[in-house]
N, C-alpha and C. Protein backbone atom coordinates (compact mmCIF):
# COMPACT_ATOMS: atom_id res chain seq x y z
N MET A 1 10.28 -6.09 17.62
CA MET A 1 9.57 -5.53 16.30
C MET A 1 10.55 -4.55 15.84
N GLU A 2 11.55 -4.69 14.27
CA GLU A 2 12.58 -3.48 13.99
C GLU A 2 11.02 -2.58 13.02
N ALA A 3 10.91 -1.35 13.04
CA ALA A 3 10.20 -0.93 11.97
C ALA A 3 10.73 0.42 11.67
N LYS A 4 10.83 0.59 10.17
CA LYS A 4 11.32 1.76 9.49
C LYS A 4 10.33 2.47 8.62
N LYS A 5 10.21 3.86 8.78
CA LYS A 5 9.43 4.80 8.28
C LYS A 5 9.73 4.76 6.85
N PHE A 6 9.29 4.65 5.90
CA PHE A 6 9.75 4.65 4.26
C PHE A 6 8.95 5.89 3.98
N TYR A 7 7.60 6.27 4.48
CA TYR A 7 7.09 7.05 3.52
C TYR A 7 5.69 7.79 4.39
N GLU A 8 5.86 9.23 4.45
CA GLU A 8 4.72 9.70 5.17
C GLU A 8 4.03 10.84 4.13
N SER A 9 2.90 11.09 4.33
CA SER A 9 2.11 12.23 3.67
C SER A 9 1.23 12.80 5.07
N ASN A 10 0.58 13.57 4.47
CA ASN A 10 -0.84 14.03 5.23
C ASN A 10 -1.75 13.11 6.15
N ASN A 11 -1.93 12.13 5.11
CA ASN A 11 -3.03 10.99 5.66
C ASN A 11 -2.12 10.14 6.59
N THR A 12 -1.37 9.74 5.64
CA THR A 12 -0.87 8.03 6.05
C THR A 12 0.61 8.22 6.36
N THR A 13 0.94 7.38 6.99
CA THR A 13 2.46 6.97 7.24
C THR A 13 2.75 5.45 6.79
N LEU A 14 3.71 5.20 6.46
CA LEU A 14 4.13 3.92 5.71
C LEU A 14 5.34 3.25 6.65
N TYR A 15 5.48 2.23 7.28
CA TYR A 15 6.45 1.96 7.90
C TYR A 15 6.92 0.20 7.23
N GLU A 16 8.36 -0.35 7.11
CA GLU A 16 8.59 -1.35 6.44
C GLU A 16 9.19 -1.86 7.99
N VAL A 17 8.44 -3.32 8.13
CA VAL A 17 8.64 -3.92 9.42
C VAL A 17 9.47 -5.24 9.04
N ASN A 18 9.92 -6.05 10.33
CA ASN A 18 10.22 -7.37 10.50
C ASN A 18 9.98 -7.45 11.95
N ASP A 19 8.78 -8.71 11.72
CA ASP A 19 8.34 -9.43 12.98
C ASP A 19 8.57 -10.79 12.92
N ASN A 20 9.58 -10.86 13.68
CA ASN A 20 10.31 -12.51 13.40
C ASN A 20 10.39 -12.88 12.48
N GLY A 21 11.21 -12.43 11.62
CA GLY A 21 11.31 -12.72 10.43
C GLY A 21 10.10 -12.84 9.12
N HIS A 22 9.28 -12.29 9.36
CA HIS A 22 8.25 -11.82 8.44
C HIS A 22 8.10 -10.48 8.10
N ARG A 23 8.52 -9.92 6.73
CA ARG A 23 8.71 -8.67 6.38
C ARG A 23 7.13 -8.23 6.22
N ALA A 24 6.80 -7.11 6.32
CA ALA A 24 5.36 -6.70 6.33
C ALA A 24 5.33 -4.79 6.27
N ILE A 25 4.50 -4.27 5.40
CA ILE A 25 4.53 -2.90 5.49
C ILE A 25 3.36 -2.77 6.50
N ILE A 26 3.62 -1.76 7.35
CA ILE A 26 2.27 -1.22 7.93
C ILE A 26 2.02 -0.08 7.70
N LYS A 27 0.38 0.32 8.01
CA LYS A 27 0.02 1.56 7.33
C LYS A 27 -0.73 1.98 8.45
N THR A 28 -0.72 3.45 8.81
CA THR A 28 -1.20 4.25 9.80
C THR A 28 -1.60 5.33 9.56
N ILE A 29 -2.50 5.94 10.46
CA ILE A 29 -2.94 7.49 9.97
C ILE A 29 -1.93 8.35 10.58
N SER A 30 -1.78 9.35 9.78
CA SER A 30 -0.01 10.20 10.33
C SER A 30 -0.85 11.60 11.21
N SER A 31 -2.41 11.99 11.37
CA SER A 31 -2.48 12.61 11.96
C SER A 31 -2.43 12.35 13.58
N GLU A 32 -2.27 12.81 14.41
CA GLU A 32 -1.84 12.90 16.07
C GLU A 32 -3.39 12.47 16.63
N LYS A 33 -4.67 13.47 16.18
CA LYS A 33 -6.13 13.02 16.38
C LYS A 33 -6.69 12.13 15.19
N VAL A 34 -7.10 11.28 15.51
CA VAL A 34 -7.99 10.20 14.55
C VAL A 34 -9.33 10.29 14.43
N GLU A 35 -9.65 10.87 13.29
CA GLU A 35 -11.25 11.65 12.63
C GLU A 35 -11.86 10.23 12.43
N LYS A 36 -13.22 10.39 13.04
CA LYS A 36 -13.98 8.99 12.75
C LYS A 36 -14.43 9.04 11.43
N GLU A 37 -13.90 9.76 10.29
CA GLU A 37 -13.94 9.59 8.89
C GLU A 37 -12.86 8.62 8.65
N GLN A 38 -11.95 9.29 9.05
CA GLN A 38 -10.05 8.24 8.74
C GLN A 38 -10.17 6.69 9.44
N LEU A 39 -10.92 6.56 10.32
CA LEU A 39 -11.25 5.03 10.96
C LEU A 39 -11.88 4.26 10.06
N GLN A 40 -12.98 5.15 9.45
CA GLN A 40 -14.01 4.25 8.33
C GLN A 40 -13.42 4.05 7.31
N ARG A 41 -12.46 5.21 7.08
CA ARG A 41 -11.28 4.37 5.31
C ARG A 41 -10.70 3.65 5.77
N PHE A 42 -10.44 3.60 7.15
CA PHE A 42 -9.16 2.49 7.53
C PHE A 42 -10.02 0.92 7.19
N GLU A 43 -11.00 1.03 7.96
CA GLU A 43 -11.78 -0.24 8.19
C GLU A 43 -11.82 -1.05 6.83
N ASN A 44 -12.57 0.26 5.73
CA ASN A 44 -12.82 -0.03 4.66
C ASN A 44 -11.50 -0.75 3.94
N GLU A 45 -10.68 -0.19 3.78
CA GLU A 45 -9.54 -0.46 3.13
C GLU A 45 -9.02 -1.78 3.36
N TYR A 46 -9.01 -2.29 4.76
CA TYR A 46 -8.43 -3.29 5.74
C TYR A 46 -9.87 -4.36 5.10
N GLU A 47 -11.00 -4.16 5.14
CA GLU A 47 -12.05 -5.32 4.65
C GLU A 47 -11.99 -5.42 3.16
N GLN A 48 -11.65 -4.78 2.36
CA GLN A 48 -10.84 -4.51 0.77
C GLN A 48 -10.20 -5.42 0.29
N LEU A 49 -9.21 -4.77 1.02
CA LEU A 49 -7.72 -5.77 0.62
C LEU A 49 -7.44 -6.65 1.11
N SER A 50 -8.53 -7.27 2.17
CA SER A 50 -7.97 -8.65 2.80
C SER A 50 -8.51 -9.69 1.76
N ILE A 51 -9.45 -9.19 1.31
CA ILE A 51 -10.37 -10.56 0.35
C ILE A 51 -10.03 -10.79 -1.01
N VAL A 52 -9.36 -9.64 -1.68
CA VAL A 52 -9.07 -9.10 -3.37
C VAL A 52 -8.05 -10.20 -3.62
N ASP A 53 -8.17 -10.68 -4.63
CA ASP A 53 -7.11 -11.64 -5.43
C ASP A 53 -6.27 -11.25 -6.20
N ILE A 54 -5.66 -10.02 -6.62
CA ILE A 54 -5.41 -9.80 -8.02
C ILE A 54 -3.78 -9.28 -8.08
N PRO A 55 -3.32 -9.98 -8.57
CA PRO A 55 -1.52 -9.80 -9.09
C PRO A 55 -1.51 -8.59 -9.05
N GLY A 56 -0.39 -8.03 -8.32
CA GLY A 56 0.31 -6.52 -8.50
C GLY A 56 -0.48 -6.04 -7.41
N VAL A 57 -1.55 -6.67 -6.31
CA VAL A 57 -2.13 -5.47 -5.67
C VAL A 57 -1.78 -6.09 -3.93
N ARG A 58 -1.09 -5.85 -3.52
CA ARG A 58 -1.01 -6.13 -1.81
C ARG A 58 -2.25 -6.42 -0.93
N LYS A 59 -2.23 -8.01 -0.78
CA LYS A 59 -3.38 -8.14 0.20
C LYS A 59 -2.82 -7.48 1.65
N ALA A 60 -3.84 -7.22 2.60
CA ALA A 60 -3.99 -6.74 4.00
C ALA A 60 -3.96 -8.02 4.97
N ILE A 61 -3.05 -8.36 6.00
CA ILE A 61 -2.83 -9.16 6.51
C ILE A 61 -3.62 -9.56 7.81
N LYS A 62 -3.69 -8.22 8.45
CA LYS A 62 -4.28 -7.73 9.61
C LYS A 62 -4.51 -6.36 10.05
N LYS A 63 -5.35 -6.01 11.01
CA LYS A 63 -5.44 -4.42 11.51
C LYS A 63 -5.17 -4.93 12.88
N ASN A 64 -4.34 -3.62 13.37
CA ASN A 64 -4.53 -3.36 14.91
C ASN A 64 -4.09 -2.13 15.09
N THR A 65 -3.14 -1.74 15.91
CA THR A 65 -2.82 -0.78 16.50
C THR A 65 -0.94 -0.08 16.52
N PHE A 66 -0.81 0.42 15.99
CA PHE A 66 0.86 0.74 15.84
C PHE A 66 0.92 2.05 16.25
N ASN A 67 2.06 2.07 17.33
CA ASN A 67 2.34 3.80 17.76
C ASN A 67 0.99 4.29 18.61
N ASN A 68 0.41 3.74 18.61
CA ASN A 68 -1.15 3.97 19.35
C ASN A 68 -1.93 4.83 18.26
N LYS A 69 -2.00 4.09 17.42
CA LYS A 69 -2.99 4.43 16.16
C LYS A 69 -3.43 3.04 15.08
N PRO A 70 -4.72 3.78 14.84
CA PRO A 70 -4.78 2.37 13.73
C PRO A 70 -3.94 2.23 12.60
N ALA A 71 -4.08 0.83 12.45
CA ALA A 71 -3.09 0.03 11.50
C ALA A 71 -3.46 -1.03 10.57
N VAL A 72 -3.17 -0.82 9.40
CA VAL A 72 -3.46 -2.04 8.74
C VAL A 72 -1.78 -2.68 8.09
N TRP A 73 -1.92 -3.88 8.23
CA TRP A 73 -0.72 -4.57 8.21
C TRP A 73 -0.65 -5.18 6.30
N LEU A 74 0.05 -5.07 5.68
CA LEU A 74 -0.16 -5.17 4.14
C LEU A 74 0.92 -6.08 4.22
N GLU A 75 0.93 -7.44 2.92
CA GLU A 75 1.99 -7.64 2.39
C GLU A 75 3.36 -7.00 2.06
N PHE A 76 4.17 -7.67 2.17
CA PHE A 76 5.17 -6.97 1.84
C PHE A 76 6.02 -7.27 -0.02
N VAL A 77 6.48 -6.37 -0.43
CA VAL A 77 6.44 -6.60 -1.95
C VAL A 77 8.13 -6.01 -1.98
N ASP A 78 9.14 -6.63 -2.25
CA ASP A 78 10.45 -6.52 -2.58
C ASP A 78 10.57 -6.25 -3.59
N ALA A 79 10.60 -4.35 -3.74
CA ALA A 79 10.25 -3.56 -5.17
C ALA A 79 10.70 -2.16 -5.15
N VAL A 80 10.75 -1.20 -5.95
CA VAL A 80 10.59 0.14 -5.60
C VAL A 80 9.44 0.95 -6.69
N THR A 81 9.65 1.95 -6.15
CA THR A 81 8.53 2.68 -6.68
C THR A 81 8.59 3.19 -8.28
N LEU A 82 7.77 3.19 -8.78
CA LEU A 82 8.26 3.96 -10.02
C LEU A 82 8.94 4.93 -10.13
N ASN A 83 8.59 5.85 -9.19
CA ASN A 83 9.17 7.28 -9.72
C ASN A 83 10.87 6.81 -9.30
N LYS A 84 11.47 6.07 -8.06
CA LYS A 84 12.60 5.66 -7.75
C LYS A 84 13.01 4.86 -9.12
N TYR A 85 12.41 3.68 -9.81
CA TYR A 85 13.16 3.33 -10.68
C TYR A 85 13.26 4.25 -12.12
N SER A 86 12.19 5.22 -12.26
CA SER A 86 12.17 5.68 -13.37
C SER A 86 13.76 6.81 -12.75
N GLU A 87 14.12 7.05 -11.54
CA GLU A 87 15.38 8.09 -11.96
C GLU A 87 16.66 7.26 -12.10
N ASN A 88 16.78 6.03 -12.19
CA ASN A 88 17.58 5.61 -12.27
C ASN A 88 17.56 4.22 -13.43
N HIS A 89 16.86 4.30 -13.99
CA HIS A 89 16.78 4.03 -15.39
C HIS A 89 16.12 4.57 -16.67
N LYS A 90 16.66 4.72 -17.72
CA LYS A 90 15.73 5.29 -19.05
C LYS A 90 15.25 4.42 -19.45
N MET A 91 13.52 4.66 -19.69
CA MET A 91 13.07 3.39 -20.37
C MET A 91 12.72 3.71 -21.90
N ASP A 92 12.84 3.20 -22.62
CA ASP A 92 12.48 3.36 -24.27
C ASP A 92 10.96 3.66 -23.69
N ILE A 93 10.54 3.89 -25.17
CA ILE A 93 8.89 3.93 -25.24
C ILE A 93 7.91 2.67 -25.17
N SER A 94 8.76 1.55 -25.78
CA SER A 94 8.28 0.34 -25.72
C SER A 94 7.87 -0.24 -24.33
N THR A 95 9.13 -0.08 -23.70
CA THR A 95 9.13 -0.22 -22.06
C THR A 95 7.92 0.35 -21.28
N PHE A 96 7.86 1.43 -21.73
CA PHE A 96 7.42 2.36 -20.47
C PHE A 96 5.67 2.30 -21.14
N LEU A 97 5.45 1.84 -22.77
CA LEU A 97 3.85 1.12 -22.93
C LEU A 97 3.56 0.27 -22.29
N GLU A 98 4.38 -0.81 -22.15
CA GLU A 98 3.94 -2.28 -21.42
C GLU A 98 4.09 -1.98 -19.81
N LEU A 99 4.77 -1.17 -19.27
CA LEU A 99 4.36 -1.37 -17.90
C LEU A 99 2.88 -0.30 -17.74
N SER A 100 3.25 0.60 -18.72
CA SER A 100 1.73 1.17 -18.26
C SER A 100 0.20 0.61 -18.75
N ILE A 101 0.16 -0.01 -19.70
CA ILE A 101 -0.41 -0.97 -19.96
C ILE A 101 -1.15 -2.13 -18.82
N LYS A 102 0.61 -2.65 -18.25
CA LYS A 102 -0.09 -3.81 -17.24
C LYS A 102 -0.47 -3.19 -15.92
N ILE A 103 -0.36 -1.57 -15.70
CA ILE A 103 -0.75 -0.62 -14.29
C ILE A 103 -2.07 -0.44 -14.57
N CYS A 104 -2.77 -0.20 -16.32
CA CYS A 104 -4.09 0.16 -16.07
C CYS A 104 -4.52 -1.18 -16.49
N ASN A 105 -4.37 -2.26 -16.19
CA ASN A 105 -4.88 -3.32 -16.22
C ASN A 105 -5.55 -4.11 -14.90
N ILE A 106 -4.34 -3.86 -13.92
CA ILE A 106 -4.59 -4.05 -12.41
C ILE A 106 -5.69 -3.01 -11.92
N LEU A 107 -5.37 -1.52 -11.91
CA LEU A 107 -6.26 -0.47 -11.94
C LEU A 107 -7.76 -1.12 -12.72
N GLY A 108 -8.12 -1.20 -13.40
CA GLY A 108 -9.43 -1.81 -14.56
C GLY A 108 -10.07 -2.61 -13.56
N GLU A 109 -8.86 -4.13 -13.28
CA GLU A 109 -9.36 -5.16 -12.20
C GLU A 109 -9.81 -4.89 -10.97
N LEU A 110 -9.34 -3.58 -10.16
CA LEU A 110 -9.81 -3.12 -8.82
C LEU A 110 -11.43 -2.44 -9.10
N HIS A 111 -11.43 -2.04 -10.66
CA HIS A 111 -12.62 -1.03 -10.89
C HIS A 111 -13.64 -2.01 -10.71
N SER A 112 -13.09 -2.68 -11.91
CA SER A 112 -14.20 -3.81 -11.96
C SER A 112 -15.05 -4.50 -10.76
N LYS A 113 -13.92 -4.48 -9.93
CA LYS A 113 -14.58 -5.71 -8.37
C LYS A 113 -14.94 -4.00 -7.11
N GLY A 114 -15.21 -3.08 -7.69
CA GLY A 114 -15.64 -1.44 -7.22
C GLY A 114 -15.04 -1.30 -6.60
N LEU A 115 -13.17 -1.50 -6.48
CA LEU A 115 -12.51 -0.64 -5.64
C LEU A 115 -12.01 0.50 -6.25
N LEU A 116 -11.50 1.16 -5.38
CA LEU A 116 -10.89 2.67 -6.00
C LEU A 116 -9.51 2.59 -5.91
N HIS A 117 -8.69 3.15 -6.07
CA HIS A 117 -7.29 3.70 -6.02
C HIS A 117 -7.08 5.12 -6.29
N LYS A 118 -6.37 5.72 -4.81
CA LYS A 118 -6.22 6.89 -5.00
C LYS A 118 -5.06 7.34 -5.49
């Protein structure tokens, strides 16, 4: 399995993987020592994202370990982040507002189901 790290913060690390022709995102805990609270958040995230069916929200595929750490496998979406997109494209106010409304609608739907996004 081929894995390429593309994001790392104090809390999580994200990898793009190609597992026998199937692309996915693997989310792991960044710290070497996994705290009980971190593990619980990962369990909750997996449980919530495995049943959510909202366009624009990645589904959790499975959970296991990766590099000896708890991992959540997420659907792969071939896209760029909003930050990356805005670096290379100038958006007029109409396009910006249209995109902002779509994002707000997705977040609103998540919140209506009791899910929070950080």
